[in-house]
C-alpha cells in the first residue's frame, strides 16, 4: 500500500496514456521481484531494472473474442481498445478448439510485440501402476531406457560444440581487449540465447522420445545436487552442459498429462551393478560394461535396468539388445522433422 500511494498517482500524472490497470500490474511485478530477491537472500547493490519488457495480462486488461463461422471458439483477443486476430496454424487451431487459454503474456522482442498463450490442458487420471520403464540420463547419451533404446543426437551435439567454441572465442577476445566492442557483446548475447533455445527444444524432443512407451510408470534417478559434488574438472564441465533438472521436469509434467506416473529412486551404484545378477561384479569402461560372466553389456542400458529394478515393479527387460552393447538408437532431429529411428549398431 505504501508503494502504491507513492507511485500510482505520479505515474498516472506523468504518463496519462498508460491505463490504471497497467500501472497496478507494474507495481505488483516490482514487488514480486524484490520478494524473490529477499527469499533467495540476494544482496542488492542497485534497484531492479527490467531490460526485456513483458507483462502478464489478467481479466482487467484483456477480453476473449470469437469470429463468426470460425472453427475455433476464440480466434482473437481484445486488449483494452485494440483487437488482435490470431493466425490459425494447425497446432494453434487444435489447441484453441480443445482447450481454453489462461492469462497470456505480452512481451517485446526486436521492436515487435508478441503474445504467449498458456493453455489449460485436461488432467488425465493416472492409471494403475502395472509396468515400469527405467531411464538413465547422461552426458554423451541423452537418455537410455530399460527396454533397449538409446536416445542421442549427434547433429545437435555438433551444433552445440560449435556454439560453445564461438562463445569461448568471443570471451577470450573480450578479456584480451581493454575496451571490447559493442558488436562482440551483442554477438555473445545472441549466441547465449541461441544455445538456450536449442537446449530447450532438445529437452522436449528427448522427453517425447522417452515417453513413447506402453509403460505407465517412468523411473528416474533423483539427481538433485549432483552438480555440486566433487568430480574431475573435465567431468564437471561436461555435466554442467546437461540440463538434468529441465529434463526431469519436462518428462514429469508430460507424463502426468498422459496419465503416467513418475518415480524417483536413489542413484546408488546403478552403473557398477550387473543388472542380470544384481551384484557389483564386473567393470564399466566407457560405453561398455564387462560382466564377470564374460558378457559385454551397453553400460547405459545396464544402468537403466538397475534403475527400474529399484521401483520393484514389473518391467520389460533386460532384453537381448543389452548383450554385446547392441541397442536400438532413437535419434531426435532438431527441426520440423520428427525423430528418426535407426537400426541396431
C-alpha atoms as a PDB file:
ATOM      1  CA  UNK A   1       0.000   0.000   0.000  1.00  0.00           C
ATOM      2  CA  UNK A   2       2.862   2.418   0.760  1.00  0.00           C
ATOM      3  CA  UNK A   3       4.459   1.785  -2.657  1.00  0.00           C
ATOM      4  CA  UNK A   4       1.101   2.171  -4.381  1.00  0.00           C
ATOM      5  CA  UNK A   5       0.443   5.547  -2.741  1.00  0.00           C
ATOM      6  CA  UNK A   6       3.884   6.870  -3.703  1.00  0.00           C
ATOM      7  CA  UNK A   7       3.985   5.584  -7.286  1.00  0.00           C
ATOM      8  CA  UNK A   8       0.477   5.260  -8.699  1.00  0.00           C
ATOM      9  CA  UNK A   9      -0.624   8.921  -8.932  1.00  0.00           C
ATOM     10  CA  UNK A  10       2.840  10.077 -10.012  1.00  0.00           C
ATOM     11  CA  UNK A  11       2.968   7.646 -12.936  1.00  0.00           C
ATOM     12  CA  UNK A  12      -0.609   8.406 -13.963  1.00  0.00           C
ATOM     13  CA  UNK A  13       0.154  12.127 -13.988  1.00  0.00           C
ATOM     14  CA  UNK A  14       3.402  11.849 -15.983  1.00  0.00           C
ATOM     15  CA  UNK A  15       2.045   9.211 -18.405  1.00  0.00           C
ATOM     16  CA  UNK A  16      -1.713   9.700 -18.789  1.00  0.00           C
ATOM     17  CA  UNK A  17      -1.855   7.377 -21.816  1.00  0.00           C
ATOM     18  CA  UNK A  18      -0.982   4.383 -19.583  1.00  0.00           C
ATOM     19  CA  UNK A  19      -4.106   2.821 -18.102  1.00  0.00           C
ATOM     20  CA  UNK A  20      -4.511   2.353 -14.370  1.00  0.00           C
ATOM     21  CA  UNK A  21      -4.561  -1.440 -14.528  1.00  0.00           C
ATOM     22  CA  UNK A  22      -1.204  -1.478 -16.358  1.00  0.00           C
ATOM     23  CA  UNK A  23       0.328   0.709 -13.632  1.00  0.00           C
ATOM     24  CA  UNK A  24      -1.048  -1.591 -10.918  1.00  0.00           C
ATOM     25  CA  UNK A  25       0.308  -4.645 -12.724  1.00  0.00           C
ATOM     26  CA  UNK A  26       3.751  -2.991 -12.922  1.00  0.00           C
ATOM     27  CA  UNK A  27       3.719  -2.262  -9.178  1.00  0.00           C
ATOM     28  CA  UNK A  28       2.869  -5.888  -8.411  1.00  0.00           C
ATOM     29  CA  UNK A  29       5.671  -7.130 -10.698  1.00  0.00           C
ATOM     30  CA  UNK A  30       8.167  -4.875  -8.939  1.00  0.00           C
ATOM     31  CA  UNK A  31       7.092  -6.165  -5.530  1.00  0.00           C
ATOM     32  CA  UNK A  32       7.362  -9.779  -6.744  1.00  0.00           C
ATOM     33  CA  UNK A  33      10.946  -9.179  -7.927  1.00  0.00           C
ATOM     34  CA  UNK A  34      12.027  -7.814  -4.541  1.00  0.00           C
ATOM     35  CA  UNK A  35      10.261 -10.637  -2.696  1.00  0.00           C
ATOM     36  CA  UNK A  36      12.158 -13.170  -4.812  1.00  0.00           C
ATOM     37  CA  UNK A  37      15.458 -11.442  -4.056  1.00  0.00           C
ATOM     38  CA  UNK A  38      14.649 -11.436  -0.342  1.00  0.00           C
ATOM     39  CA  UNK A  39      13.706 -15.128  -0.282  1.00  0.00           C
ATOM     40  CA  UNK A  40      16.891 -16.027  -2.194  1.00  0.00           C
ATOM     41  CA  UNK A  41      18.962 -13.909   0.228  1.00  0.00           C
ATOM     42  CA  UNK A  42      20.369 -11.856  -2.623  1.00  0.00           C
ATOM     43  CA  UNK A  43      22.326  -8.715  -1.730  1.00  0.00           C
ATOM     44  CA  UNK A  44      21.092  -5.807  -3.862  1.00  0.00           C
ATOM     45  CA  UNK A  45      23.516  -3.026  -4.750  1.00  0.00           C
ATOM     46  CA  UNK A  46      21.197  -1.178  -7.129  1.00  0.00           C
ATOM     47  CA  UNK A  47      17.470  -1.128  -7.969  1.00  0.00           C
ATOM     48  CA  UNK A  48      15.971  -3.722 -10.284  1.00  0.00           C
ATOM     49  CA  UNK A  49      15.853  -2.856 -13.974  1.00  0.00           C
ATOM     50  CA  UNK A  50      13.730  -4.884 -16.378  1.00  0.00           C
ATOM     51  CA  UNK A  51      15.594  -4.942 -19.678  1.00  0.00           C
ATOM     52  CA  UNK A  52      13.248  -7.221 -21.638  1.00  0.00           C
ATOM     53  CA  UNK A  53       9.790  -5.732 -21.232  1.00  0.00           C
ATOM     54  CA  UNK A  54       6.954  -8.179 -20.600  1.00  0.00           C
ATOM     55  CA  UNK A  55       3.661  -8.228 -18.746  1.00  0.00           C
ATOM     56  CA  UNK A  56       1.143 -10.917 -17.858  1.00  0.00           C
ATOM     57  CA  UNK A  57      -2.404  -9.829 -18.584  1.00  0.00           C
ATOM     58  CA  UNK A  58      -5.396 -10.509 -16.349  1.00  0.00           C
ATOM     59  CA  UNK A  59      -9.163 -10.262 -16.806  1.00  0.00           C
ATOM     60  CA  UNK A  60      -8.990  -6.491 -16.270  1.00  0.00           C
ATOM     61  CA  UNK A  61      -6.666  -5.983 -19.249  1.00  0.00           C
ATOM     62  CA  UNK A  62      -7.955  -8.272 -21.985  1.00  0.00           C
ATOM     63  CA  UNK A  63     -11.081  -9.997 -23.231  1.00  0.00           C
ATOM     64  CA  UNK A  64     -11.516 -13.075 -25.422  1.00  0.00           C
ATOM     65  CA  UNK A  65     -13.322 -12.601 -28.706  1.00  0.00           C
ATOM     66  CA  UNK A  66     -14.755 -15.059 -31.234  1.00  0.00           C
ATOM     67  CA  UNK A  67     -15.120 -14.723 -35.011  1.00  0.00           C
ATOM     68  CA  UNK A  68     -18.382 -15.871 -36.547  1.00  0.00           C
ATOM     69  CA  UNK A  69     -18.346 -19.083 -38.590  1.00  0.00           C
ATOM     70  CA  UNK A  70     -14.835 -19.898 -37.374  1.00  0.00           C
ATOM     71  CA  UNK A  71     -13.943 -23.450 -36.438  1.00  0.00           C
ATOM     72  CA  UNK A  72     -12.174 -22.378 -33.240  1.00  0.00           C
ATOM     73  CA  UNK A  73     -14.147 -20.877 -30.387  1.00  0.00           C
ATOM     74  CA  UNK A  74     -11.749 -17.982 -29.683  1.00  0.00           C
ATOM     75  CA  UNK A  75      -9.734 -16.588 -32.583  1.00  0.00           C
ATOM     76  CA  UNK A  76      -8.891 -13.078 -31.369  1.00  0.00           C
ATOM     77  CA  UNK A  77      -8.073 -11.173 -28.220  1.00  0.00           C
ATOM     78  CA  UNK A  78      -9.042  -7.627 -27.266  1.00  0.00           C
ATOM     79  CA  UNK A  79      -6.539  -5.691 -25.167  1.00  0.00           C
ATOM     80  CA  UNK A  80      -8.352  -2.615 -23.925  1.00  0.00           C
ATOM     81  CA  UNK A  81      -9.419  -0.784 -27.123  1.00  0.00           C
ATOM     82  CA  UNK A  82      -7.399  -2.852 -29.621  1.00  0.00           C
ATOM     83  CA  UNK A  83      -8.475  -6.184 -31.111  1.00  0.00           C
ATOM     84  CA  UNK A  84      -5.828  -8.589 -32.426  1.00  0.00           C
ATOM     85  CA  UNK A  85      -6.648 -11.643 -34.538  1.00  0.00           C
ATOM     86  CA  UNK A  86      -4.721 -14.930 -34.373  1.00  0.00           C
ATOM     87  CA  UNK A  87      -3.049 -16.556 -37.361  1.00  0.00           C
ATOM     88  CA  UNK A  88      -4.511 -20.044 -37.074  1.00  0.00           C
ATOM     89  CA  UNK A  89      -1.872 -22.612 -37.970  1.00  0.00           C
ATOM     90  CA  UNK A  90      -2.889 -26.275 -37.379  1.00  0.00           C
ATOM     91  CA  UNK A  91      -1.367 -26.714 -33.908  1.00  0.00           C
ATOM     92  CA  UNK A  92      -2.852 -23.480 -32.539  1.00  0.00           C
ATOM     93  CA  UNK A  93      -6.228 -24.276 -34.059  1.00  0.00           C
ATOM     94  CA  UNK A  94      -6.308 -27.687 -32.370  1.00  0.00           C
ATOM     95  CA  UNK A  95      -5.340 -26.144 -29.012  1.00  0.00           C
ATOM     96  CA  UNK A  96      -7.995 -23.430 -29.283  1.00  0.00           C
ATOM     97  CA  UNK A  97     -10.675 -25.977 -30.183  1.00  0.00           C
ATOM     98  CA  UNK A  98      -9.761 -28.404 -27.382  1.00  0.00           C
ATOM     99  CA  UNK A  99      -8.560 -26.190 -24.504  1.00  0.00           C
ATOM    100  CA  UNK A 100      -9.010 -22.713 -23.099  1.00  0.00           C
ATOM    101  CA  UNK A 101      -6.096 -20.367 -22.613  1.00  0.00           C
ATOM    102  CA  UNK A 102      -5.390 -18.522 -19.391  1.00  0.00           C
ATOM    103  CA  UNK A 103      -3.831 -15.101 -18.767  1.00  0.00           C
ATOM    104  CA  UNK A 104      -1.432 -14.524 -21.706  1.00  0.00           C
ATOM    105  CA  UNK A 105       1.974 -12.819 -21.584  1.00  0.00           C
ATOM    106  CA  UNK A 106       2.745  -9.831 -23.819  1.00  0.00           C
ATOM    107  CA  UNK A 107       6.450  -9.205 -24.438  1.00  0.00           C
ATOM    108  CA  UNK A 108       8.704  -7.121 -26.674  1.00  0.00           C
ATOM    109  CA  UNK A 109      11.289  -8.649 -28.979  1.00  0.00           C
ATOM    110  CA  UNK A 110      13.294  -6.826 -31.677  1.00  0.00           C
ATOM    111  CA  UNK A 111      10.925  -3.862 -31.625  1.00  0.00           C
ATOM    112  CA  UNK A 112       7.812  -6.022 -32.067  1.00  0.00           C
ATOM    113  CA  UNK A 113       5.067  -7.041 -29.648  1.00  0.00           C
ATOM    114  CA  UNK A 114       4.455 -10.779 -29.192  1.00  0.00           C
ATOM    115  CA  UNK A 115       1.914 -12.700 -27.158  1.00  0.00           C
ATOM    116  CA  UNK A 116       2.368 -16.103 -25.495  1.00  0.00           C
ATOM    117  CA  UNK A 117      -0.725 -18.153 -24.668  1.00  0.00           C
ATOM    118  CA  UNK A 118      -0.853 -20.625 -21.784  1.00  0.00           C
ATOM    119  CA  UNK A 119      -3.430 -23.383 -22.231  1.00  0.00           C
ATOM    120  CA  UNK A 120      -5.284 -25.378 -19.602  1.00  0.00           C
ATOM    121  CA  UNK A 121      -4.905 -28.960 -20.790  1.00  0.00           C
ATOM    122  CA  UNK A 122      -7.301 -31.547 -19.382  1.00  0.00           C
ATOM    123  CA  UNK A 123      -5.982 -33.615 -16.488  1.00  0.00           C
ATOM    124  CA  UNK A 124      -5.713 -37.345 -17.173  1.00  0.00           C
ATOM    125  CA  UNK A 125      -6.355 -39.641 -14.257  1.00  0.00           C
ATOM    126  CA  UNK A 126      -3.214 -41.751 -13.635  1.00  0.00           C
ATOM    127  CA  UNK A 127      -3.622 -45.404 -14.468  1.00  0.00           C
ATOM    128  CA  UNK A 128      -2.763 -48.250 -12.127  1.00  0.00           C
ATOM    129  CA  UNK A 129       0.968 -48.934 -11.876  1.00  0.00           C
ATOM    130  CA  UNK A 130       1.493 -52.164 -13.812  1.00  0.00           C
ATOM    131  CA  UNK A 131       4.613 -51.755 -15.974  1.00  0.00           C
ATOM    132  CA  UNK A 132       7.700 -49.602 -15.348  1.00  0.00           C
ATOM    133  CA  UNK A 133      10.367 -48.105 -17.609  1.00  0.00           C
ATOM    134  CA  UNK A 134      13.814 -47.153 -16.298  1.00  0.00           C
ATOM    135  CA  UNK A 135      15.564 -44.107 -17.771  1.00  0.00           C
ATOM    136  CA  UNK A 136      19.255 -43.300 -17.335  1.00  0.00           C
ATOM    137  CA  UNK A 137      20.158 -39.674 -18.173  1.00  0.00           C
ATOM    138  CA  UNK A 138      23.721 -38.907 -19.164  1.00  0.00           C
ATOM    139  CA  UNK A 139      26.178 -36.594 -20.901  1.00  0.00           C
ATOM    140  CA  UNK A 140      27.143 -38.287 -24.182  1.00  0.00           C
ATOM    141  CA  UNK A 141      23.878 -40.242 -24.425  1.00  0.00           C
ATOM    142  CA  UNK A 142      20.894 -38.041 -23.610  1.00  0.00           C
ATOM    143  CA  UNK A 143      18.821 -40.952 -22.290  1.00  0.00           C
ATOM    144  CA  UNK A 144      18.894 -44.750 -22.250  1.00  0.00           C
ATOM    145  CA  UNK A 145      15.829 -46.829 -21.392  1.00  0.00           C
ATOM    146  CA  UNK A 146      15.441 -50.270 -19.884  1.00  0.00           C
ATOM    147  CA  UNK A 147      13.599 -51.547 -22.988  1.00  0.00           C
ATOM    148  CA  UNK A 148      16.796 -51.207 -25.045  1.00  0.00           C
ATOM    149  CA  UNK A 149      16.533 -47.723 -26.573  1.00  0.00           C
ATOM    150  CA  UNK A 150      19.376 -45.195 -26.720  1.00  0.00           C
ATOM    151  CA  UNK A 151      18.335 -41.593 -27.389  1.00  0.00           C
ATOM    152  CA  UNK A 152      21.059 -39.334 -28.733  1.00  0.00           C
ATOM    153  CA  UNK A 153      21.544 -36.669 -31.395  1.00  0.00           C
ATOM    154  CA  UNK A 154      24.998 -36.256 -32.944  1.00  0.00           C
ATOM    155  CA  UNK A 155      23.851 -33.340 -35.097  1.00  0.00           C
ATOM    156  CA  UNK A 156      22.685 -31.411 -32.028  1.00  0.00           C
ATOM    157  CA  UNK A 157      25.930 -32.208 -30.166  1.00  0.00           C
ATOM    158  CA  UNK A 158      27.976 -30.927 -33.116  1.00  0.00           C
ATOM    159  CA  UNK A 159      25.989 -27.687 -33.306  1.00  0.00           C
ATOM    160  CA  UNK A 160      26.308 -27.179 -29.548  1.00  0.00           C
ATOM    161  CA  UNK A 161      30.100 -27.653 -29.693  1.00  0.00           C
ATOM    162  CA  UNK A 162      30.258 -25.043 -32.457  1.00  0.00           C
ATOM    163  CA  UNK A 163      28.259 -22.522 -30.423  1.00  0.00           C
ATOM    164  CA  UNK A 164      30.368 -23.076 -27.312  1.00  0.00           C
ATOM    165  CA  UNK A 165      33.566 -22.639 -29.346  1.00  0.00           C
ATOM    166  CA  UNK A 166      32.317 -19.319 -30.757  1.00  0.00           C
ATOM    167  CA  UNK A 167      31.366 -18.168 -27.252  1.00  0.00           C
ATOM    168  CA  UNK A 168      34.804 -19.046 -25.882  1.00  0.00           C
ATOM    169  CA  UNK A 169      36.490 -17.153 -28.734  1.00  0.00           C
ATOM    170  CA  UNK A 170      34.396 -14.049 -28.090  1.00  0.00           C
ATOM    171  CA  UNK A 171      35.021 -14.198 -24.325  1.00  0.00           C
ATOM    172  CA  UNK A 172      38.775 -14.599 -24.767  1.00  0.00           C
ATOM    173  CA  UNK A 173      38.851 -11.696 -27.253  1.00  0.00           C
ATOM    174  CA  UNK A 174      36.933  -9.522 -24.791  1.00  0.00           C
ATOM    175  CA  UNK A 175      39.349 -10.393 -21.981  1.00  0.00           C
ATOM    176  CA  UNK A 176      42.389  -9.525 -24.126  1.00  0.00           C
ATOM    177  CA  UNK A 177      40.923  -6.172 -25.116  1.00  0.00           C
ATOM    178  CA  UNK A 178      40.620  -3.349 -22.605  1.00  0.00           C
ATOM    179  CA  UNK A 179      37.584  -1.901 -24.395  1.00  0.00           C
ATOM    180  CA  UNK A 180      35.618  -4.759 -26.029  1.00  0.00           C
ATOM    181  CA  UNK A 181      33.429  -3.676 -28.918  1.00  0.00           C
ATOM    182  CA  UNK A 182      29.673  -3.432 -28.561  1.00  0.00           C
ATOM    183  CA  UNK A 183      29.196  -5.738 -31.530  1.00  0.00           C
ATOM    184  CA  UNK A 184      31.160  -8.509 -29.765  1.00  0.00           C
ATOM    185  CA  UNK A 185      28.971  -8.184 -26.661  1.00  0.00           C
ATOM    186  CA  UNK A 186      25.861  -8.192 -28.808  1.00  0.00           C
ATOM    187  CA  UNK A 187      27.042 -11.259 -30.714  1.00  0.00           C
ATOM    188  CA  UNK A 188      27.887 -13.095 -27.479  1.00  0.00           C
ATOM    189  CA  UNK A 189      24.432 -12.336 -26.073  1.00  0.00           C
ATOM    190  CA  UNK A 190      22.847 -13.633 -29.275  1.00  0.00           C
ATOM    191  CA  UNK A 191      24.830 -16.887 -29.085  1.00  0.00           C
ATOM    192  CA  UNK A 192      23.798 -17.437 -25.465  1.00  0.00           C
ATOM    193  CA  UNK A 193      20.145 -17.002 -26.335  1.00  0.00           C
ATOM    194  CA  UNK A 194      20.501 -19.315 -29.339  1.00  0.00           C
ATOM    195  CA  UNK A 195      22.152 -22.043 -27.258  1.00  0.00           C
ATOM    196  CA  UNK A 196      19.447 -21.778 -24.589  1.00  0.00           C
ATOM    197  CA  UNK A 197      16.709 -22.106 -27.230  1.00  0.00           C
ATOM    198  CA  UNK A 198      18.358 -25.177 -28.749  1.00  0.00           C
ATOM    199  CA  UNK A 199      18.748 -26.810 -25.328  1.00  0.00           C
ATOM    200  CA  UNK A 200      15.090 -26.160 -24.523  1.00  0.00           C
ATOM    201  CA  UNK A 201      13.947 -27.619 -27.849  1.00  0.00           C
ATOM    202  CA  UNK A 202      16.183 -30.665 -27.450  1.00  0.00           C
ATOM    203  CA  UNK A 203      14.833 -31.261 -23.945  1.00  0.00           C
ATOM    204  CA  UNK A 204      11.291 -31.554 -25.308  1.00  0.00           C
ATOM    205  CA  UNK A 205      12.426 -33.874 -28.127  1.00  0.00           C
ATOM    206  CA  UNK A 206      14.193 -36.207 -25.699  1.00  0.00           C
ATOM    207  CA  UNK A 207      11.205 -36.216 -23.323  1.00  0.00           C
ATOM    208  CA  UNK A 208       8.837 -37.083 -26.164  1.00  0.00           C
ATOM    209  CA  UNK A 209      11.051 -39.998 -27.207  1.00  0.00           C
ATOM    210  CA  UNK A 210      11.298 -41.334 -23.654  1.00  0.00           C
ATOM    211  CA  UNK A 211       7.502 -41.309 -23.263  1.00  0.00           C
ATOM    212  CA  UNK A 212       6.933 -43.376 -26.422  1.00  0.00           C
ATOM    213  CA  UNK A 213       6.320 -46.487 -24.364  1.00  0.00           C
ATOM    214  CA  UNK A 214       3.465 -48.659 -23.110  1.00  0.00           C
ATOM    215  CA  UNK A 215       4.801 -48.465 -19.551  1.00  0.00           C
ATOM    216  CA  UNK A 216       2.626 -46.490 -17.125  1.00  0.00           C
ATOM    217  CA  UNK A 217       5.478 -45.648 -14.696  1.00  0.00           C
ATOM    218  CA  UNK A 218       8.674 -43.783 -15.622  1.00  0.00           C
ATOM    219  CA  UNK A 219      11.527 -44.387 -13.171  1.00  0.00           C
ATOM    220  CA  UNK A 220      14.228 -41.682 -12.984  1.00  0.00           C
ATOM    221  CA  UNK A 221      17.257 -41.149 -10.780  1.00  0.00           C
ATOM    222  CA  UNK A 222      16.991 -38.412  -8.150  1.00  0.00           C
ATOM    223  CA  UNK A 223      19.980 -36.344  -9.322  1.00  0.00           C
ATOM    224  CA  UNK A 224      19.329 -33.316  -7.114  1.00  0.00           C
ATOM    225  CA  UNK A 225      22.649 -31.787  -6.037  1.00  0.00           C
ATOM    226  CA  UNK A 226      24.783 -33.958  -8.322  1.00  0.00           C
ATOM    227  CA  UNK A 227      26.420 -30.930  -9.965  1.00  0.00           C
ATOM    228  CA  UNK A 228      27.631 -29.705  -6.566  1.00  0.00           C
ATOM    229  CA  UNK A 229      29.558 -32.916  -5.859  1.00  0.00           C
ATOM    230  CA  UNK A 230      33.318 -33.165  -6.290  1.00  0.00           C
ATOM    231  CA  UNK A 231      34.263 -34.614  -9.659  1.00  0.00           C
ATOM    232  CA  UNK A 232      37.170 -34.064 -12.017  1.00  0.00           C
ATOM    233  CA  UNK A 233      37.206 -30.704 -13.774  1.00  0.00           C
ATOM    234  CA  UNK A 234      36.577 -32.223 -17.210  1.00  0.00           C
ATOM    235  CA  UNK A 235      33.602 -34.247 -15.961  1.00  0.00           C
ATOM    236  CA  UNK A 236      32.150 -31.210 -14.165  1.00  0.00           C
ATOM    237  CA  UNK A 237      32.431 -29.248 -17.411  1.00  0.00           C
ATOM    238  CA  UNK A 238      30.525 -31.941 -19.332  1.00  0.00           C
ATOM    239  CA  UNK A 239      27.958 -32.364 -16.575  1.00  0.00           C
ATOM    240  CA  UNK A 240      27.255 -28.636 -16.429  1.00  0.00           C
ATOM    241  CA  UNK A 241      26.146 -28.705 -20.088  1.00  0.00           C
ATOM    242  CA  UNK A 242      23.401 -31.290 -19.482  1.00  0.00           C
ATOM    243  CA  UNK A 243      20.009 -29.838 -18.398  1.00  0.00           C
ATOM    244  CA  UNK A 244      19.237 -32.693 -15.976  1.00  0.00           C
ATOM    245  CA  UNK A 245      16.681 -30.749 -13.930  1.00  0.00           C
ATOM    246  CA  UNK A 246      14.909 -29.458 -17.049  1.00  0.00           C
ATOM    247  CA  UNK A 247      14.718 -32.997 -18.450  1.00  0.00           C
ATOM    248  CA  UNK A 248      13.238 -34.352 -15.222  1.00  0.00           C
ATOM    249  CA  UNK A 249      10.661 -31.539 -15.008  1.00  0.00           C
ATOM    250  CA  UNK A 250       9.693 -31.885 -18.678  1.00  0.00           C
ATOM    251  CA  UNK A 251       9.328 -35.663 -18.505  1.00  0.00           C
ATOM    252  CA  UNK A 252       7.308 -35.344 -15.280  1.00  0.00           C
ATOM    253  CA  UNK A 253       4.694 -32.889 -16.497  1.00  0.00           C
ATOM    254  CA  UNK A 254       4.352 -34.555 -19.902  1.00  0.00           C
ATOM    255  CA  UNK A 255       3.905 -37.940 -18.239  1.00  0.00           C
ATOM    256  CA  UNK A 256       1.225 -36.572 -15.897  1.00  0.00           C
ATOM    257  CA  UNK A 257      -0.791 -35.260 -18.849  1.00  0.00           C
ATOM    258  CA  UNK A 258      -0.546 -38.724 -20.426  1.00  0.00           C
ATOM    259  CA  UNK A 259      -1.823 -40.411 -17.273  1.00  0.00           C
ATOM    260  CA  UNK A 260       1.576 -41.894 -16.338  1.00  0.00           C
ATOM    261  CA  UNK A 261       3.435 -41.928 -13.022  1.00  0.00           C
ATOM    262  CA  UNK A 262       6.995 -40.654 -12.450  1.00  0.00           C
ATOM    263  CA  UNK A 263       9.038 -42.276  -9.705  1.00  0.00           C
ATOM    264  CA  UNK A 264      12.407 -41.022  -8.399  1.00  0.00           C
ATOM    265  CA  UNK A 265      14.904 -43.521  -6.970  1.00  0.00           C
ATOM    266  CA  UNK A 266      18.287 -43.227  -5.302  1.00  0.00           C
ATOM    267  CA  UNK A 267      21.183 -43.249  -7.829  1.00  0.00           C
ATOM    268  CA  UNK A 268      23.479 -45.563  -5.885  1.00  0.00           C
ATOM    269  CA  UNK A 269      25.805 -47.919  -7.795  1.00  0.00           C
ATOM    270  CA  UNK A 270      23.407 -48.231 -10.735  1.00  0.00           C
ATOM    271  CA  UNK A 271      26.297 -48.059 -13.217  1.00  0.00           C
ATOM    272  CA  UNK A 272      28.552 -50.511 -11.347  1.00  0.00           C
ATOM    273  CA  UNK A 273      25.961 -53.286 -10.796  1.00  0.00           C
ATOM    274  CA  UNK A 274      25.295 -56.201 -13.112  1.00  0.00           C
ATOM    275  CA  UNK A 275      21.574 -55.991 -13.888  1.00  0.00           C
ATOM    276  CA  UNK A 276      21.276 -59.728 -14.552  1.00  0.00           C
ATOM    277  CA  UNK A 277      22.836 -60.905 -11.286  1.00  0.00           C
ATOM    278  CA  UNK A 278      22.141 -57.841  -9.114  1.00  0.00           C
ATOM    279  CA  UNK A 279      25.706 -57.914  -7.776  1.00  0.00           C
ATOM    280  CA  UNK A 280      28.521 -55.384  -8.036  1.00  0.00           C
ATOM    281  CA  UNK A 281      30.594 -57.626 -10.241  1.00  0.00           C
ATOM    282  CA  UNK A 282      32.255 -56.562 -13.457  1.00  0.00           C
ATOM    283  CA  UNK A 283      33.773 -53.317 -14.697  1.00  0.00           C
ATOM    284  CA  UNK A 284      32.471 -50.363 -16.625  1.00  0.00           C
ATOM    285  CA  UNK A 285      34.699 -48.963 -19.359  1.00  0.00           C
ATOM    286  CA  UNK A 286      33.100 -46.053 -21.134  1.00  0.00           C
ATOM    287  CA  UNK A 287      30.042 -47.258 -23.066  1.00  0.00           C
ATOM    288  CA  UNK A 288      30.626 -50.938 -22.219  1.00  0.00           C
ATOM    289  CA  UNK A 289      30.057 -52.968 -19.057  1.00  0.00           C
ATOM    290  CA  UNK A 290      32.208 -56.116 -18.807  1.00  0.00           C
ATOM    291  CA  UNK A 291      30.372 -58.634 -16.623  1.00  0.00           C
ATOM    292  CA  UNK A 292      32.124 -61.286 -14.560  1.00  0.00           C
ATOM    293  CA  UNK A 293      30.419 -63.976 -16.648  1.00  0.00           C
ATOM    294  CA  UNK A 294      32.223 -62.714 -19.773  1.00  0.00           C
ATOM    295  CA  UNK A 295      29.232 -60.949 -21.332  1.00  0.00           C
ATOM    296  CA  UNK A 296      29.525 -57.365 -22.539  1.00  0.00           C
ATOM    297  CA  UNK A 297      26.586 -55.018 -21.974  1.00  0.00           C
ATOM    298  CA  UNK A 298      25.794 -51.492 -23.030  1.00  0.00           C
ATOM    299  CA  UNK A 299      26.605 -49.619 -19.817  1.00  0.00           C
ATOM    300  CA  UNK A 300      23.773 -47.071 -20.141  1.00  0.00           C
ATOM    301  CA  UNK A 301      21.079 -49.695 -20.699  1.00  0.00           C
ATOM    302  CA  UNK A 302      22.566 -51.758 -17.871  1.00  0.00           C
ATOM    303  CA  UNK A 303      22.187 -48.703 -15.590  1.00  0.00           C
ATOM    304  CA  UNK A 304      18.598 -48.135 -16.826  1.00  0.00           C
ATOM    305  CA  UNK A 305      17.723 -51.751 -15.950  1.00  0.00           C
ATOM    306  CA  UNK A 306      19.182 -51.306 -12.456  1.00  0.00           C
ATOM    307  CA  UNK A 307      17.171 -48.090 -12.043  1.00  0.00           C
ATOM    308  CA  UNK A 308      13.878 -49.745 -12.962  1.00  0.00           C
ATOM    309  CA  UNK A 309      14.627 -52.651 -10.595  1.00  0.00           C
ATOM    310  CA  UNK A 310      14.677 -50.192  -7.679  1.00  0.00           C
ATOM    311  CA  UNK A 311      10.989 -49.418  -8.303  1.00  0.00           C
ATOM    312  CA  UNK A 312      10.094 -53.079  -7.505  1.00  0.00           C
ATOM    313  CA  UNK A 313       7.554 -53.007 -10.350  1.00  0.00           C
ATOM    314  CA  UNK A 314       7.301 -55.328 -13.375  1.00  0.00           C
ATOM    315  CA  UNK A 315       9.282 -54.067 -16.357  1.00  0.00           C
ATOM    316  CA  UNK A 316      10.077 -55.148 -19.905  1.00  0.00           C
ATOM    317  CA  UNK A 317      13.741 -56.089 -19.748  1.00  0.00           C
ATOM    318  CA  UNK A 318      16.584 -56.737 -19.646  1.00  0.00           C
ATOM    319  CA  UNK A 319      16.336 -57.738 -23.277  1.00  0.00           C
ATOM    320  CA  UNK A 320      18.624 -59.379 -25.792  1.00  0.00           C
ATOM    321  CA  UNK A 321      19.718 -55.955 -27.075  1.00  0.00           C
ATOM    322  CA  UNK A 322      21.539 -55.475 -23.780  1.00  0.00           C
ATOM    323  CA  UNK A 323      24.153 -58.082 -24.741  1.00  0.00           C
ATOM    324  CA  UNK A 324      27.308 -57.143 -26.648  1.00  0.00           C
ATOM    325  CA  UNK A 325      26.424 -53.470 -26.433  1.00  0.00           C
ATOM    326  CA  UNK A 326      23.613 -53.692 -29.001  1.00  0.00           C
ATOM    327  CA  UNK A 327      20.796 -51.200 -28.607  1.00  0.00           C
ATOM    328  CA  UNK A 328      18.054 -49.508 -30.582  1.00  0.00           C
ATOM    329  CA  UNK A 329      19.146 -45.929 -31.287  1.00  0.00           C
ATOM    330  CA  UNK A 330      16.463 -43.267 -31.478  1.00  0.00           C
ATOM    331  CA  UNK A 331      17.940 -40.005 -32.712  1.00  0.00           C
ATOM    332  CA  UNK A 332      15.875 -36.818 -32.306  1.00  0.00           C
ATOM    333  CA  UNK A 333      16.432 -34.352 -35.130  1.00  0.00           C
ATOM    334  CA  UNK A 334      16.221 -30.666 -34.175  1.00  0.00           C
ATOM    335  CA  UNK A 335      13.793 -29.035 -36.558  1.00  0.00           C
ATOM    336  CA  UNK A 336      10.417 -29.637 -38.108  1.00  0.00           C
ATOM    337  CA  UNK A 337      11.049 -33.289 -38.891  1.00  0.00           C
ATOM    338  CA  UNK A 338      10.089 -35.990 -36.447  1.00  0.00           C
ATOM    339  CA  UNK A 339      12.806 -38.003 -34.634  1.00  0.00           C
ATOM    340  CA  UNK A 340      14.452 -40.662 -36.763  1.00  0.00           C
ATOM    341  CA  UNK A 341      14.698 -44.262 -35.562  1.00  0.00           C
ATOM    342  CA  UNK A 342      17.841 -46.053 -36.626  1.00  0.00           C
ATOM    343  CA  UNK A 343      18.602 -49.754 -36.689  1.00  0.00           C
ATOM    344  CA  UNK A 344      20.849 -51.718 -34.349  1.00  0.00           C
ATOM    345  CA  UNK A 345      24.548 -50.903 -34.110  1.00  0.00           C
END
